[in-house]
Amino acid sequence: MQTLCESCQHLREVVTPKRSRFLMCLLSQTDPRWSKYPPQPVRNCAGYQRQSPTDSETDRS
């Protein structure tokens, strides 16, 4: 499944103890227009911003 969320700087990956994986949109914390856990896959998003190379190297949890 391809989704824009995977490469967005506003992503926070949430993994439960049972290994379920959810993609949280951090824009939802400051703007009610964004869903906290958008239905996947996301193909278009006005808030999308590609991760910088340093973002992809840091732990997002």
C-alpha atoms as a PDB file:
ATOM      1  CA  MET A   1       0.000   0.000   0.000  1.00  0.00           C
ATOM      2  CA  GLN A   2       1.459   3.359  -1.032  1.00  0.00           C
ATOM      3  CA  THR A   3       0.481   6.392   1.030  1.00  0.00           C
ATOM      4  CA  LEU A   4       1.811   9.947   1.196  1.00  0.00           C
ATOM      5  CA  CYS A   5       1.894   9.678   4.975  1.00  0.00           C
ATOM      6  CA  GLU A   6       4.940   7.403   4.879  1.00  0.00           C
ATOM      7  CA  SER A   7       7.130  10.244   3.589  1.00  0.00           C
ATOM      8  CA  CYS A   8       5.422  13.220   5.293  1.00  0.00           C
ATOM      9  CA  GLN A   9       7.161  15.245   7.975  1.00  0.00           C
ATOM     10  CA  HIS A  10       3.879  15.404   9.927  1.00  0.00           C
ATOM     11  CA  LEU A  11       3.814  11.634  10.494  1.00  0.00           C
ATOM     12  CA  ARG A  12       4.090   9.927  13.846  1.00  0.00           C
ATOM     13  CA  GLU A  13       4.034   6.159  13.644  1.00  0.00           C
ATOM     14  CA  VAL A  14       2.227   4.511  16.556  1.00  0.00           C
ATOM     15  CA  VAL A  15       2.816   0.802  17.194  1.00  0.00           C
ATOM     16  CA  THR A  16       0.730  -0.924  19.843  1.00  0.00           C
ATOM     17  CA  PRO A  17       2.005  -3.691  22.139  1.00  0.00           C
ATOM     18  CA  LYS A  18       0.182  -6.172  19.876  1.00  0.00           C
ATOM     19  CA  ARG A  19       2.127  -4.790  16.875  1.00  0.00           C
ATOM     20  CA  SER A  20      -0.773  -2.950  15.238  1.00  0.00           C
ATOM     21  CA  ARG A  21       0.537   0.058  13.342  1.00  0.00           C
ATOM     22  CA  PHE A  22      -1.209   3.423  13.001  1.00  0.00           C
ATOM     23  CA  LEU A  23      -0.117   6.554  11.152  1.00  0.00           C
ATOM     24  CA  MET A  24      -0.890   9.670  13.190  1.00  0.00           C
ATOM     25  CA  CYS A  25      -1.051  13.071  11.525  1.00  0.00           C
ATOM     26  CA  LEU A  26       0.589  15.634  13.794  1.00  0.00           C
ATOM     27  CA  LEU A  27      -1.272  18.445  12.014  1.00  0.00           C
ATOM     28  CA  SER A  28      -4.377  17.221  13.861  1.00  0.00           C
ATOM     29  CA  GLN A  29      -2.908  18.518  17.135  1.00  0.00           C
ATOM     30  CA  THR A  30      -3.136  22.150  16.024  1.00  0.00           C
ATOM     31  CA  ASP A  31      -5.718  22.183  13.233  1.00  0.00           C
ATOM     32  CA  PRO A  32      -9.159  20.512  13.404  1.00  0.00           C
ATOM     33  CA  ARG A  33      -9.278  20.120   9.609  1.00  0.00           C
ATOM     34  CA  TRP A  34      -6.874  17.173   9.858  1.00  0.00           C
ATOM     35  CA  SER A  35      -7.878  13.717  10.983  1.00  0.00           C
ATOM     36  CA  LYS A  36      -5.742  12.271  13.793  1.00  0.00           C
ATOM     37  CA  TYR A  37      -5.551   8.888  12.038  1.00  0.00           C
ATOM     38  CA  PRO A  38      -6.440   9.469   8.373  1.00  0.00           C
ATOM     39  CA  PRO A  39      -7.916   6.539   6.448  1.00  0.00           C
ATOM     40  CA  GLN A  40      -5.200   4.887   4.413  1.00  0.00           C
ATOM     41  CA  PRO A  41      -3.964   5.079   1.742  1.00  0.00           C
ATOM     42  CA  VAL A  42      -3.698   8.862   1.438  1.00  0.00           C
ATOM     43  CA  ARG A  43      -3.104   9.853  -2.191  1.00  0.00           C
ATOM     44  CA  ASN A  44      -3.616  13.640  -1.946  1.00  0.00           C
ATOM     45  CA  CYS A  45      -3.131  15.921   1.051  1.00  0.00           C
ATOM     46  CA  ALA A  46      -2.988  19.721   1.234  1.00  0.00           C
ATOM     47  CA  GLY A  47      -0.839  19.491   4.382  1.00  0.00           C
ATOM     48  CA  TYR A  48       1.733  17.112   2.916  1.00  0.00           C
ATOM     49  CA  GLN A  49       5.366  18.140   3.308  1.00  0.00           C
ATOM     50  CA  ARG A  50       8.086  15.703   2.314  1.00  0.00           C
ATOM     51  CA  GLN A  51      10.467  14.665   5.082  1.00  0.00           C
ATOM     52  CA  SER A  52      13.903  16.187   4.925  1.00  0.00           C
ATOM     53  CA  PRO A  53      16.768  13.666   4.897  1.00  0.00           C
ATOM     54  CA  THR A  54      17.453  14.384   8.588  1.00  0.00           C
ATOM     55  CA  ASP A  55      13.769  13.772   9.503  1.00  0.00           C
ATOM     56  CA  SER A  56      13.845  10.271   8.066  1.00  0.00           C
ATOM     57  CA  GLU A  57      16.899   9.381  10.152  1.00  0.00           C
ATOM     58  CA  THR A  58      15.348  10.269  13.521  1.00  0.00           C
ATOM     59  CA  ASP A  59      13.066   8.098  15.627  1.00  0.00           C
ATOM     60  CA  ARG A  60       9.484   9.331  15.321  1.00  0.00           C
ATOM     61  CA  SER A  61       7.942   7.438  18.214  1.00  0.00           C
END
